[in-house]
Protein backbone atom coordinates (compact mmCIF):
# COMPACT_ATOMS: atom_id res chain seq x y z
CA MET A 1 14.15 -0.55 47.49
CA LYS A 2 11.36 -2.22 45.41
CA ARG A 3 10.26 1.15 44.07
CA MET A 4 13.81 1.91 42.97
CA ARG A 5 14.18 -1.37 41.14
CA PHE A 6 10.78 -0.90 39.53
CA ILE A 7 11.91 2.54 38.30
CA MET A 8 15.06 1.01 36.96
CA LEU A 9 13.31 -1.72 35.08
CA LEU A 10 10.79 0.66 33.69
CA THR A 11 13.58 2.97 32.42
CA ALA A 12 15.47 -0.03 30.93
CA PHE A 13 12.20 -1.12 29.25
CA CYS A 14 11.57 2.26 27.77
CA PHE A 15 15.08 2.33 26.31
CA LEU A 16 14.51 -1.04 24.93
CA ALA A 17 11.24 -0.15 23.40
CA THR A 18 12.43 3.10 21.78
CA GLY A 19 15.55 1.51 20.46
CA CYS A 20 13.89 -1.45 18.85
CA ASN A 21 13.62 -0.80 15.06
CA LYS A 22 14.16 -4.29 13.70
CA GLY A 23 17.65 -3.49 13.11
CA GLU A 24 17.03 -0.79 10.50
CA SER A 25 19.27 2.23 10.13
CA LEU A 26 17.67 5.67 10.35
CA GLU A 27 18.06 6.00 6.67
CA GLU A 28 16.25 2.86 6.10
CA ILE A 29 13.43 3.94 8.35
CA GLU A 30 13.17 7.31 6.62
CA ALA A 31 13.08 5.60 3.19
CA ARG A 32 10.48 3.23 4.16
CA ALA A 33 8.26 6.01 5.73
CA GLY A 34 8.71 8.23 2.67
CA ASN A 35 7.98 5.55 0.18
CA THR A 36 4.88 4.64 2.12
CA ALA A 37 3.81 8.34 1.82
CA VAL A 38 4.38 8.23 -1.88
CA GLU A 39 2.21 5.07 -2.30
CA TYR A 40 -0.55 6.60 -0.39
CA TYR A 41 -0.58 9.72 -2.59
CA LYS A 42 -0.43 7.41 -5.69
CA LEU A 43 -3.75 6.07 -4.54
CA LEU A 44 -5.11 9.56 -5.34
CA LEU A 45 -3.80 9.33 -8.88
CA ALA A 46 -5.52 6.06 -9.18
CA GLU A 47 -8.67 7.62 -7.87
CA ASN A 48 -8.69 5.05 -5.07
CA TYR A 49 -9.93 7.50 -2.53
CA GLU A 50 -11.14 5.12 0.02
CA ASP A 51 -7.91 3.26 0.35
CA PHE A 52 -6.19 6.70 0.72
CA VAL A 53 -8.49 7.57 3.59
CA ASN A 54 -7.73 4.16 5.12
CA GLY A 55 -4.04 4.91 5.14
CA MET A 56 -4.79 7.78 7.64
CA LEU A 57 -4.24 6.73 11.30
CA GLY A 58 -7.67 5.46 12.21
CA GLY A 59 -9.02 5.86 8.74
CA ASP A 60 -10.33 2.25 8.59
CA SER A 61 -12.56 2.77 11.80
CA LEU A 62 -13.98 6.19 10.95
CA PRO A 63 -17.81 6.59 11.41
CA PRO A 64 -19.37 5.99 7.85
CA VAL A 65 -20.66 9.54 7.30
CA TYR A 66 -17.35 11.17 8.46
CA LYS A 67 -15.34 8.50 6.16
CA GLU A 68 -17.66 9.50 3.16
CA GLN A 69 -16.73 13.16 3.82
CA MET A 70 -13.02 12.50 3.87
CA VAL A 71 -13.27 10.32 0.60
CA ALA A 72 -15.23 13.19 -1.01
CA ASN A 73 -12.55 15.59 0.17
CA ALA A 74 -9.90 13.47 -1.44
CA ALA A 75 -11.74 13.43 -4.75
CA MET A 76 -12.24 17.10 -4.70
CA PHE A 77 -8.52 17.81 -3.97
CA VAL A 78 -7.78 15.75 -7.29
CA LYS A 79 -10.37 17.60 -9.28
CA GLN A 80 -8.96 20.88 -8.01
CA GLN A 81 -5.54 19.83 -9.17
CA VAL A 82 -6.93 18.88 -12.63
CA ASP A 83 -8.78 22.25 -12.86
CA GLU A 84 -5.65 24.21 -11.77
CA HIS A 85 -2.76 22.29 -13.21
CA LYS A 86 -4.22 19.63 -15.55
CA GLY A 87 -3.80 17.06 -13.02
CA ILE A 88 -1.03 15.37 -10.96
CA LYS A 89 1.38 13.54 -13.38
CA GLU A 90 3.63 12.05 -10.83
CA ILE A 91 4.61 11.81 -7.26
CA THR A 92 8.28 11.55 -5.93
CA LEU A 93 9.86 11.60 -2.69
CA SER A 94 12.05 14.72 -1.89
CA SER A 95 13.13 13.82 1.53
CA CYS A 96 11.88 12.31 4.86
CA LYS A 97 12.94 12.79 8.48
CA ALA A 98 12.10 10.29 11.08
CA ASP A 99 11.96 10.49 14.89
CA THR A 100 12.47 6.95 15.93
CA ALA A 101 11.88 7.63 19.67
CA ASN A 102 8.32 8.79 18.84
CA HIS A 103 7.76 6.63 15.77
CA THR A 104 7.00 9.65 13.65
CA ALA A 105 8.17 10.89 10.32
CA ASP A 106 7.67 13.94 7.98
CA ALA A 107 7.79 12.95 4.34
CA PHE A 108 8.19 15.70 1.81
CA LEU A 109 6.83 14.76 -1.50
CA TYR A 110 6.97 16.54 -4.92
CA LEU A 111 3.68 16.74 -6.80
CA HIS A 112 4.68 16.96 -10.50
CA PHE A 113 1.71 18.42 -12.40
CA ALA A 114 0.90 18.22 -16.00
CA ASP A 115 1.40 21.71 -16.63
CA SER A 116 5.15 21.22 -15.72
CA GLN A 117 4.87 22.85 -12.31
CA LYS A 118 5.88 21.12 -9.07
CA GLU A 119 4.98 21.56 -5.55
CA VAL A 120 6.25 20.20 -2.25
CA VAL A 121 3.75 18.75 0.26
CA ASN A 122 4.53 17.65 3.79
CA VAL A 123 3.07 14.36 4.80
CA PRO A 124 3.24 13.73 8.51
CA LEU A 125 3.35 10.02 9.43
CA VAL A 126 3.20 7.85 12.57
CA GLU A 127 4.12 4.32 12.88
CA ARG A 128 1.90 1.74 14.65
CA ASN A 129 2.78 -2.01 14.82
CA GLY A 130 5.25 -1.57 12.14
CA VAL A 131 2.91 0.14 9.75
CA TRP A 132 3.18 3.78 8.67
CA TYR A 133 0.04 5.73 8.59
CA MET A 134 -0.79 9.46 7.50
CA LYS A 135 -1.71 11.60 10.48
């Protein structure tokens, strides 16, 4: 009997935990996640590579040598876009799909290049303690 009660309480807690989203609708959650991804990518435009890396899940606690490599990779990515497309002019949100049960989202961003081309990139995100991080 105690075991059954425990299972029922655990199940109820799981439903409550996955259902709690501060009263936000799915559209609001997707907008918040998508806009967060845009802001992270705007850090690249501002050449703020360390903060971009800190926007990754666990990015602020990476070993220093690995973090330096990640920062260098972000800088190389931006340089490559300059070489191939004269740089990224603007970043906008195309769409975002969230999975509220797993606290994840996929943001699809348009990278608008200076040579008038554009590209869509997928930015997978995960929510931890109300903050969206890039995976």
